[in-house]
Amino acid sequence: MLFHFAKNIAFTKLVKCDDRQREYNFRKLPSADGNLFHADVSDDRGNRIIFKMQKEAGGQWAIIDPTLPQWIKNAEPQLHDVIEEGIHASQD
């Protein structure tokens, strides 16, 4: 019998965007290619906004859901950097 174990990657990071610092939570989702992250963040009222980010062909992490608030879309470049940093930290 063959078992496949996948390393669980989850981390939290503070990201500043639009003059606000917010706490984003990330968790790598099990997928065939391993290029999918679940992310969530609180808005100004404390409501959790949940979305997914997928690695595109060019190597950039992009937000999948187009209906998110603009302040999350504006943070996409910073979120890419945070995910890459989290992946590399988990490999050490």
PDB file of N, CA and C in Angstrom:
ATOM      1  N   MET A   1       0.847  -1.174   0.000  1.00  0.00           N
ATOM      2  CA  MET A   1       0.000   0.000   0.000  1.00  0.00           C
ATOM      3  C   MET A   1       0.897   1.243   0.000  1.00  0.00           C
ATOM      4  N   LEU A   2       0.588   2.190  -0.861  1.00  0.00           N
ATOM      5  CA  LEU A   2       1.375   3.403  -1.013  1.00  0.00           C
ATOM      6  C   LEU A   2       0.625   4.586  -0.403  1.00  0.00           C
ATOM      7  N   PHE A   3       1.304   5.295   0.496  1.00  0.00           N
ATOM      8  CA  PHE A   3       0.708   6.480   1.117  1.00  0.00           C
ATOM      9  C   PHE A   3       1.392   7.718   0.563  1.00  0.00           C
ATOM     10  N   HIS A   4       0.600   8.732   0.331  1.00  0.00           N
ATOM     11  CA  HIS A   4       1.145  10.016  -0.113  1.00  0.00           C
ATOM     12  C   HIS A   4       0.873  11.051   0.979  1.00  0.00           C
ATOM     13  N   PHE A   5       1.926  11.641   1.502  1.00  0.00           N
ATOM     14  CA  PHE A   5       1.794  12.668   2.519  1.00  0.00           C
ATOM     15  C   PHE A   5       2.122  14.022   1.918  1.00  0.00           C
ATOM     16  N   ALA A   6       1.226  14.958   2.115  1.00  0.00           N
ATOM     17  CA  ALA A   6       1.442  16.322   1.645  1.00  0.00           C
ATOM     18  C   ALA A   6       1.661  17.221   2.858  1.00  0.00           C
ATOM     19  N   LYS A   7       2.664  18.059   2.769  1.00  0.00           N
ATOM     20  CA  LYS A   7       2.971  18.975   3.855  1.00  0.00           C
ATOM     21  C   LYS A   7       1.910  20.069   3.931  1.00  0.00           C
ATOM     22  N   ASN A   8       1.377  20.287   5.135  1.00  0.00           N
ATOM     23  CA  ASN A   8       0.380  21.325   5.347  1.00  0.00           C
ATOM     24  C   ASN A   8       1.100  22.664   5.520  1.00  0.00           C
ATOM     25  N   ILE A   9       0.763  23.622   4.682  1.00  0.00           N
ATOM     26  CA  ILE A   9       1.365  24.958   4.769  1.00  0.00           C
ATOM     27  C   ILE A   9       0.260  25.937   5.126  1.00  0.00           C
ATOM     28  N   ALA A  10       0.420  26.590   6.272  1.00  0.00           N
ATOM     29  CA  ALA A  10      -0.533  27.609   6.724  1.00  0.00           C
ATOM     30  C   ALA A  10       0.248  28.680   7.471  1.00  0.00           C
ATOM     31  N   PHE A  11      -0.088  29.931   7.232  1.00  0.00           N
ATOM     32  CA  PHE A  11       0.602  31.027   7.904  1.00  0.00           C
ATOM     33  C   PHE A  11      -0.264  32.277   7.897  1.00  0.00           C
ATOM     34  N   THR A  12       0.077  33.197   8.777  1.00  0.00           N
ATOM     35  CA  THR A  12      -0.615  34.478   8.914  1.00  0.00           C
ATOM     36  C   THR A  12       0.415  35.580   8.729  1.00  0.00           C
ATOM     37  N   LYS A  13       0.015  36.631   8.039  1.00  0.00           N
ATOM     38  CA  LYS A  13       0.940  37.729   7.774  1.00  0.00           C
ATOM     39  C   LYS A  13       0.194  39.057   7.773  1.00  0.00           C
ATOM     40  N   LEU A  14       0.808  40.091   8.341  1.00  0.00           N
ATOM     41  CA  LEU A  14       0.266  41.446   8.286  1.00  0.00           C
ATOM     42  C   LEU A  14       0.703  42.095   6.980  1.00  0.00           C
ATOM     43  N   VAL A  15      -0.256  42.657   6.251  1.00  0.00           N
ATOM     44  CA  VAL A  15       0.022  43.288   4.967  1.00  0.00           C
ATOM     45  C   VAL A  15      -0.567  44.691   4.988  1.00  0.00           C
ATOM     46  N   LYS A  16       0.248  45.681   4.598  1.00  0.00           N
ATOM     47  CA  LYS A  16      -0.241  47.052   4.554  1.00  0.00           C
ATOM     48  C   LYS A  16      -0.608  47.401   3.119  1.00  0.00           C
ATOM     49  N   CYS A  17      -1.846  47.843   2.946  1.00  0.00           N
ATOM     50  CA  CYS A  17      -2.341  48.250   1.639  1.00  0.00           C
ATOM     51  C   CYS A  17      -3.415  49.314   1.850  1.00  0.00           C
ATOM     52  N   ASP A  18      -3.411  50.324   1.015  1.00  0.00           N
ATOM     53  CA  ASP A  18      -4.363  51.435   1.129  1.00  0.00           C
ATOM     54  C   ASP A  18      -4.325  52.068   2.518  1.00  0.00           C
ATOM     55  N   ASP A  19      -3.123  52.264   3.040  1.00  0.00           N
ATOM     56  CA  ASP A  19      -2.892  52.913   4.337  1.00  0.00           C
ATOM     57  C   ASP A  19      -3.515  52.170   5.516  1.00  0.00           C
ATOM     58  N   ARG A  20      -3.794  50.880   5.360  1.00  0.00           N
ATOM     59  CA  ARG A  20      -4.331  50.053   6.442  1.00  0.00           C
ATOM     60  C   ARG A  20      -3.501  48.797   6.541  1.00  0.00           C
ATOM     61  N   GLN A  21      -3.226  48.387   7.750  1.00  0.00           N
ATOM     62  CA  GLN A  21      -2.531  47.130   7.964  1.00  0.00           C
ATOM     63  C   GLN A  21      -3.559  46.082   8.364  1.00  0.00           C
ATOM     64  N   ARG A  22      -3.584  44.984   7.633  1.00  0.00           N
ATOM     65  CA  ARG A  22      -4.579  43.938   7.874  1.00  0.00           C
ATOM     66  C   ARG A  22      -3.886  42.589   8.000  1.00  0.00           C
ATOM     67  N   GLU A  23      -4.540  41.705   8.755  1.00  0.00           N
ATOM     68  CA  GLU A  23      -4.004  40.365   8.970  1.00  0.00           C
ATOM     69  C   GLU A  23      -4.637  39.397   7.963  1.00  0.00           C
ATOM     70  N   TYR A  24      -3.804  38.822   7.131  1.00  0.00           N
ATOM     71  CA  TYR A  24      -4.242  37.840   6.137  1.00  0.00           C
ATOM     72  C   TYR A  24      -3.819  36.454   6.607  1.00  0.00           C
ATOM     73  N   ASN A  25      -4.713  35.481   6.458  1.00  0.00           N
ATOM     74  CA  ASN A  25      -4.425  34.083   6.763  1.00  0.00           C
ATOM     75  C   ASN A  25      -4.365  33.315   5.452  1.00  0.00           C
ATOM     76  N   PHE A  26      -3.363  32.453   5.324  1.00  0.00           N
ATOM     77  CA  PHE A  26      -3.172  31.675   4.111  1.00  0.00           C
ATOM     78  C   PHE A  26      -3.074  30.192   4.454  1.00  0.00           C
ATOM     79  N   ARG A  27      -3.621  29.354   3.571  1.00  0.00           N
ATOM     80  CA  ARG A  27      -3.502  27.901   3.716  1.00  0.00           C
ATOM     81  C   ARG A  27      -3.442  27.294   2.327  1.00  0.00           C
ATOM     82  N   LYS A  28      -2.419  26.481   2.117  1.00  0.00           N
ATOM     83  CA  LYS A  28      -2.271  25.817   0.825  1.00  0.00           C
ATOM     84  C   LYS A  28      -3.317  24.720   0.724  1.00  0.00           C
ATOM     85  N   LEU A  29      -4.039  24.713  -0.389  1.00  0.00           N
ATOM     86  CA  LEU A  29      -5.068  23.706  -0.618  1.00  0.00           C
ATOM     87  C   LEU A  29      -4.483  22.518  -1.369  1.00  0.00           C
ATOM     88  N   PRO A  30      -4.893  21.319  -0.983  1.00  0.00           N
ATOM     89  CA  PRO A  30      -4.398  20.154  -1.713  1.00  0.00           C
ATOM     90  C   PRO A  30      -4.993  20.133  -3.127  1.00  0.00           C
ATOM     91  N   SER A  31      -4.125  20.111  -4.099  1.00  0.00           N
ATOM     92  CA  SER A  31      -4.569  20.036  -5.492  1.00  0.00           C
ATOM     93  C   SER A  31      -3.527  19.249  -6.269  1.00  0.00           C
ATOM     94  N   ALA A  32      -3.872  18.871  -7.461  1.00  0.00           N
ATOM     95  CA  ALA A  32      -2.980  18.042  -8.268  1.00  0.00           C
ATOM     96  C   ALA A  32      -1.647  18.738  -8.529  1.00  0.00           C
ATOM     97  N   ASP A  33      -1.685  20.036  -8.797  1.00  0.00           N
ATOM     98  CA  ASP A  33      -0.447  20.750  -9.101  1.00  0.00           C
ATOM     99  C   ASP A  33       0.082  21.576  -7.931  1.00  0.00           C
ATOM    100  N   GLY A  34      -0.688  21.684  -6.860  1.00  0.00           N
ATOM    101  CA  GLY A  34      -0.232  22.407  -5.673  1.00  0.00           C
ATOM    102  C   GLY A  34      -0.162  23.904  -5.837  1.00  0.00           C
ATOM    103  N   ASN A  35      -0.901  24.453  -6.760  1.00  0.00           N
ATOM    104  CA  ASN A  35      -0.832  25.885  -7.048  1.00  0.00           C
ATOM    105  C   ASN A  35      -2.094  26.628  -6.647  1.00  0.00           C
ATOM    106  N   LEU A  36      -2.624  26.337  -5.460  1.00  0.00           N
ATOM    107  CA  LEU A  36      -3.853  26.980  -5.016  1.00  0.00           C
ATOM    108  C   LEU A  36      -3.762  27.280  -3.514  1.00  0.00           C
ATOM    109  N   PHE A  37      -4.053  28.521  -3.148  1.00  0.00           N
ATOM    110  CA  PHE A  37      -4.054  28.941  -1.746  1.00  0.00           C
ATOM    111  C   PHE A  37      -5.416  29.503  -1.373  1.00  0.00           C
ATOM    112  N   HIS A  38      -5.855  29.177  -0.182  1.00  0.00           N
ATOM    113  CA  HIS A  38      -7.045  29.761   0.430  1.00  0.00           C
ATOM    114  C   HIS A  38      -6.541  30.944   1.244  1.00  0.00           C
ATOM    115  N   ALA A  39      -7.232  32.075   1.185  1.00  0.00           N
ATOM    116  CA  ALA A  39      -6.843  33.254   1.962  1.00  0.00           C
ATOM    117  C   ALA A  39      -8.087  33.883   2.566  1.00  0.00           C
ATOM    118  N   ASP A  40      -7.897  34.539   3.707  1.00  0.00           N
ATOM    119  CA  ASP A  40      -9.003  35.292   4.288  1.00  0.00           C
ATOM    120  C   ASP A  40      -8.459  36.493   5.043  1.00  0.00           C
ATOM    121  N   VAL A  41      -9.318  37.504   5.154  1.00  0.00           N
ATOM    122  CA  VAL A  41      -8.969  38.756   5.816  1.00  0.00           C
ATOM    123  C   VAL A  41     -10.266  39.377   6.344  1.00  0.00           C
ATOM    124  N   SER A  42     -10.159  40.178   7.393  1.00  0.00           N
ATOM    125  CA  SER A  42     -11.325  40.879   7.940  1.00  0.00           C
ATOM    126  C   SER A  42     -11.476  42.247   7.294  1.00  0.00           C
ATOM    127  N   ASP A  43     -12.732  42.639   7.063  1.00  0.00           N
ATOM    128  CA  ASP A  43     -12.975  43.994   6.575  1.00  0.00           C
ATOM    129  C   ASP A  43     -13.095  44.939   7.771  1.00  0.00           C
ATOM    130  N   ASP A  44     -13.489  46.192   7.525  1.00  0.00           N
ATOM    131  CA  ASP A  44     -13.577  47.191   8.592  1.00  0.00           C
ATOM    132  C   ASP A  44     -14.626  46.856   9.646  1.00  0.00           C
ATOM    133  N   ARG A  45     -15.619  46.066   9.288  1.00  0.00           N
ATOM    134  CA  ARG A  45     -16.674  45.690  10.232  1.00  0.00           C
ATOM    135  C   ARG A  45     -16.397  44.371  10.945  1.00  0.00           C
ATOM    136  N   GLY A  46     -15.271  43.731  10.621  1.00  0.00           N
ATOM    137  CA  GLY A  46     -14.927  42.464  11.256  1.00  0.00           C
ATOM    138  C   GLY A  46     -15.431  41.242  10.524  1.00  0.00           C
ATOM    139  N   ASN A  47     -16.062  41.434   9.368  1.00  0.00           N
ATOM    140  CA  ASN A  47     -16.534  40.307   8.567  1.00  0.00           C
ATOM    141  C   ASN A  47     -15.358  39.672   7.835  1.00  0.00           C
ATOM    142  N   ARG A  48     -15.310  38.336   7.804  1.00  0.00           N
ATOM    143  CA  ARG A  48     -14.246  37.626   7.092  1.00  0.00           C
ATOM    144  C   ARG A  48     -14.553  37.606   5.604  1.00  0.00           C
ATOM    145  N   ILE A  49     -13.562  37.963   4.817  1.00  0.00           N
ATOM    146  CA  ILE A  49     -13.657  37.864   3.364  1.00  0.00           C
ATOM    147  C   ILE A  49     -12.740  36.725   2.954  1.00  0.00           C
ATOM    148  N   ILE A  50     -13.315  35.729   2.314  1.00  0.00           N
ATOM    149  CA  ILE A  50     -12.593  34.517   1.951  1.00  0.00           C
ATOM    150  C   ILE A  50     -12.426  34.485   0.436  1.00  0.00           C
ATOM    151  N   PHE A  51     -11.214  34.165  -0.012  1.00  0.00           N
ATOM    152  CA  PHE A  51     -10.944  34.087  -1.445  1.00  0.00           C
ATOM    153  C   PHE A  51      -9.816  33.104  -1.697  1.00  0.00           C
ATOM    154  N   LYS A  52      -9.594  32.799  -2.962  1.00  0.00           N
ATOM    155  CA  LYS A  52      -8.530  31.883  -3.356  1.00  0.00           C
ATOM    156  C   LYS A  52      -7.568  32.590  -4.298  1.00  0.00           C
ATOM    157  N   MET A  53      -6.318  32.150  -4.237  1.00  0.00           N
ATOM    158  CA  MET A  53      -5.291  32.652  -5.144  1.00  0.00           C
ATOM    159  C   MET A  53      -4.667  31.460  -5.855  1.00  0.00           C
ATOM    160  N   GLN A  54      -4.436  31.622  -7.140  1.00  0.00           N
ATOM    161  CA  GLN A  54      -3.895  30.545  -7.958  1.00  0.00           C
ATOM    162  C   GLN A  54      -2.635  31.026  -8.665  1.00  0.00           C
ATOM    163  N   LYS A  55      -1.663  30.133  -8.786  1.00  0.00           N
ATOM    164  CA  LYS A  55      -0.430  30.477  -9.480  1.00  0.00           C
ATOM    165  C   LYS A  55      -0.671  30.391 -10.977  1.00  0.00           C
ATOM    166  N   GLU A  56      -0.400  31.495 -11.657  1.00  0.00           N
ATOM    167  CA  GLU A  56      -0.600  31.554 -13.104  1.00  0.00           C
ATOM    168  C   GLU A  56       0.630  31.020 -13.827  1.00  0.00           C
ATOM    169  N   ALA A  57       0.520  30.885 -15.134  1.00  0.00           N
ATOM    170  CA  ALA A  57       1.608  30.339 -15.953  1.00  0.00           C
ATOM    171  C   ALA A  57       2.896  31.155 -15.823  1.00  0.00           C
ATOM    172  N   GLY A  58       2.774  32.450 -15.623  1.00  0.00           N
ATOM    173  CA  GLY A  58       3.947  33.313 -15.502  1.00  0.00           C
ATOM    174  C   GLY A  58       4.599  33.272 -14.136  1.00  0.00           C
ATOM    175  N   GLY A  59       4.040  32.502 -13.208  1.00  0.00           N
ATOM    176  CA  GLY A  59       4.617  32.390 -11.874  1.00  0.00           C
ATOM    177  C   GLY A  59       4.034  33.358 -10.860  1.00  0.00           C
ATOM    178  N   GLN A  60       3.101  34.185 -11.273  1.00  0.00           N
ATOM    179  CA  GLN A  60       2.461  35.144 -10.369  1.00  0.00           C
ATOM    180  C   GLN A  60       1.263  34.507  -9.683  1.00  0.00           C
ATOM    181  N   TRP A  61       1.082  34.813  -8.399  1.00  0.00           N
ATOM    182  CA  TRP A  61      -0.110  34.400  -7.667  1.00  0.00           C
ATOM    183  C   TRP A  61      -1.190  35.443  -7.927  1.00  0.00           C
ATOM    184  N   ALA A  62      -2.343  34.998  -8.407  1.00  0.00           N
ATOM    185  CA  ALA A  62      -3.427  35.905  -8.778  1.00  0.00           C
ATOM    186  C   ALA A  62      -4.706  35.526  -8.029  1.00  0.00           C
ATOM    187  N   ILE A  63      -5.489  36.532  -7.700  1.00  0.00           N
ATOM    188  CA  ILE A  63      -6.782  36.324  -7.054  1.00  0.00           C
ATOM    189  C   ILE A  63      -7.749  35.765  -8.089  1.00  0.00           C
ATOM    190  N   ILE A  64      -8.469  34.724  -7.722  1.00  0.00           N
ATOM    191  CA  ILE A  64      -9.407  34.076  -8.650  1.00  0.00           C
ATOM    192  C   ILE A  64     -10.746  34.804  -8.691  1.00  0.00           C
ATOM    193  N   ASP A  65     -11.256  35.230  -7.534  1.00  0.00           N
ATOM    194  CA  ASP A  65     -12.593  35.826  -7.441  1.00  0.00           C
ATOM    195  C   ASP A  65     -12.575  37.292  -7.878  1.00  0.00           C
ATOM    196  N   PRO A  66     -13.258  37.643  -8.971  1.00  0.00           N
ATOM    197  CA  PRO A  66     -13.246  39.031  -9.445  1.00  0.00           C
ATOM    198  C   PRO A  66     -14.201  39.954  -8.680  1.00  0.00           C
ATOM    199  N   THR A  67     -15.016  39.419  -7.774  1.00  0.00           N
ATOM    200  CA  THR A  67     -16.012  40.249  -7.092  1.00  0.00           C
ATOM    201  C   THR A  67     -15.546  40.756  -5.732  1.00  0.00           C
ATOM    202  N   LEU A  68     -14.270  40.674  -5.432  1.00  0.00           N
ATOM    203  CA  LEU A  68     -13.753  41.122  -4.142  1.00  0.00           C
ATOM    204  C   LEU A  68     -13.687  42.645  -4.088  1.00  0.00           C
ATOM    205  N   PRO A  69     -13.645  43.201  -2.879  1.00  0.00           N
ATOM    206  CA  PRO A  69     -13.479  44.654  -2.750  1.00  0.00           C
ATOM    207  C   PRO A  69     -12.156  45.112  -3.394  1.00  0.00           C
ATOM    208  N   GLN A  70     -12.156  46.338  -3.849  1.00  0.00           N
ATOM    209  CA  GLN A  70     -10.990  46.876  -4.560  1.00  0.00           C
ATOM    210  C   GLN A  70      -9.729  46.884  -3.693  1.00  0.00           C
ATOM    211  N   TRP A  71      -9.867  47.097  -2.379  1.00  0.00           N
ATOM    212  CA  TRP A  71      -8.679  47.147  -1.521  1.00  0.00           C
ATOM    213  C   TRP A  71      -7.967  45.803  -1.460  1.00  0.00           C
ATOM    214  N   ILE A  72      -8.686  44.707  -1.649  1.00  0.00           N
ATOM    215  CA  ILE A  72      -8.034  43.392  -1.708  1.00  0.00           C
ATOM    216  C   ILE A  72      -7.354  43.221  -3.064  1.00  0.00           C
ATOM    217  N   LYS A  73      -8.021  43.616  -4.131  1.00  0.00           N
ATOM    218  CA  LYS A  73      -7.424  43.522  -5.464  1.00  0.00           C
ATOM    219  C   LYS A  73      -6.141  44.354  -5.540  1.00  0.00           C
ATOM    220  N   ASN A  74      -6.143  45.524  -4.895  1.00  0.00           N
ATOM    221  CA  ASN A  74      -4.955  46.386  -4.889  1.00  0.00           C
ATOM    222  C   ASN A  74      -3.782  45.729  -4.161  1.00  0.00           C
ATOM    223  N   ALA A  75      -4.075  44.833  -3.231  1.00  0.00           N
ATOM    224  CA  ALA A  75      -3.036  44.173  -2.442  1.00  0.00           C
ATOM    225  C   ALA A  75      -2.451  42.948  -3.135  1.00  0.00           C
ATOM    226  N   GLU A  76      -2.934  42.606  -4.324  1.00  0.00           N
ATOM    227  CA  GLU A  76      -2.501  41.376  -4.998  1.00  0.00           C
ATOM    228  C   GLU A  76      -0.977  41.259  -5.142  1.00  0.00           C
ATOM    229  N   PRO A  77      -0.245  42.310  -5.546  1.00  0.00           N
ATOM    230  CA  PRO A  77       1.226  42.161  -5.638  1.00  0.00           C
ATOM    231  C   PRO A  77       1.881  41.835  -4.287  1.00  0.00           C
ATOM    232  N   GLN A  78       1.402  42.475  -3.212  1.00  0.00           N
ATOM    233  CA  GLN A  78       1.947  42.182  -1.883  1.00  0.00           C
ATOM    234  C   GLN A  78       1.591  40.764  -1.452  1.00  0.00           C
ATOM    235  N   LEU A  79       0.381  40.316  -1.777  1.00  0.00           N
ATOM    236  CA  LEU A  79      -0.046  38.964  -1.407  1.00  0.00           C
ATOM    237  C   LEU A  79       0.788  37.923  -2.147  1.00  0.00           C
ATOM    238  N   HIS A  80       1.148  38.198  -3.383  1.00  0.00           N
ATOM    239  CA  HIS A  80       2.041  37.306  -4.134  1.00  0.00           C
ATOM    240  C   HIS A  80       3.358  37.134  -3.370  1.00  0.00           C
ATOM    241  N   ASP A  81       3.941  38.262  -2.951  1.00  0.00           N
ATOM    242  CA  ASP A  81       5.213  38.212  -2.228  1.00  0.00           C
ATOM    243  C   ASP A  81       5.080  37.443  -0.911  1.00  0.00           C
ATOM    244  N   VAL A  82       3.974  37.646  -0.210  1.00  0.00           N
ATOM    245  CA  VAL A  82       3.749  36.961   1.068  1.00  0.00           C
ATOM    246  C   VAL A  82       3.640  35.454   0.862  1.00  0.00           C
ATOM    247  N   ILE A  83       2.930  35.014  -0.160  1.00  0.00           N
ATOM    248  CA  ILE A  83       2.788  33.580  -0.421  1.00  0.00           C
ATOM    249  C   ILE A  83       4.156  32.983  -0.775  1.00  0.00           C
ATOM    250  N   GLU A  84       4.898  33.630  -1.642  1.00  0.00           N
ATOM    251  CA  GLU A  84       6.229  33.119  -2.005  1.00  0.00           C
ATOM    252  C   GLU A  84       7.119  33.021  -0.773  1.00  0.00           C
ATOM    253  N   GLU A  85       7.083  34.024   0.075  1.00  0.00           N
ATOM    254  CA  GLU A  85       7.868  34.016   1.304  1.00  0.00           C
ATOM    255  C   GLU A  85       7.435  32.876   2.217  1.00  0.00           C
ATOM    256  N   GLY A  86       6.130  32.659   2.335  1.00  0.00           N
ATOM    257  CA  GLY A  86       5.608  31.573   3.182  1.00  0.00           C
ATOM    258  C   GLY A  86       5.985  30.205   2.669  1.00  0.00           C
ATOM    259  N   ILE A  87       5.972  30.032   1.350  1.00  0.00           N
ATOM    260  CA  ILE A  87       6.359  28.756   0.757  1.00  0.00           C
ATOM    261  C   ILE A  87       7.835  28.472   1.033  1.00  0.00           C
ATOM    262  N   HIS A  88       8.678  29.482   0.825  1.00  0.00           N
ATOM    263  CA  HIS A  88      10.114  29.286   1.042  1.00  0.00           C
ATOM    264  C   HIS A  88      10.438  29.052   2.512  1.00  0.00           C
ATOM    265  N   ALA A  89       9.719  29.711   3.410  1.00  0.00           N
ATOM    266  CA  ALA A  89       9.945  29.516   4.848  1.00  0.00           C
ATOM    267  C   ALA A  89       9.547  28.101   5.287  1.00  0.00           C
ATOM    268  N   SER A  90       8.542  27.541   4.650  1.00  0.00           N
ATOM    269  CA  SER A  90       8.091  26.191   5.027  1.00  0.00           C
ATOM    270  C   SER A  90       9.038  25.115   4.512  1.00  0.00           C
ATOM    271  N   GLN A  91       9.861  25.446   3.534  1.00  0.00           N
ATOM    272  CA  GLN A  91      10.794  24.475   2.974  1.00  0.00           C
ATOM    273  C   GLN A  91      12.092  24.403   3.763  1.00  0.00           C
ATOM    274  N   ASP A  92      12.316  25.358   4.629  1.00  0.00           N
ATOM    275  CA  ASP A  92      13.553  25.365   5.437  1.00  0.00           C
ATOM    276  C   ASP A  92      13.501  24.387   6.575  1.00  0.00           C
TER     277      ASP A  92
END
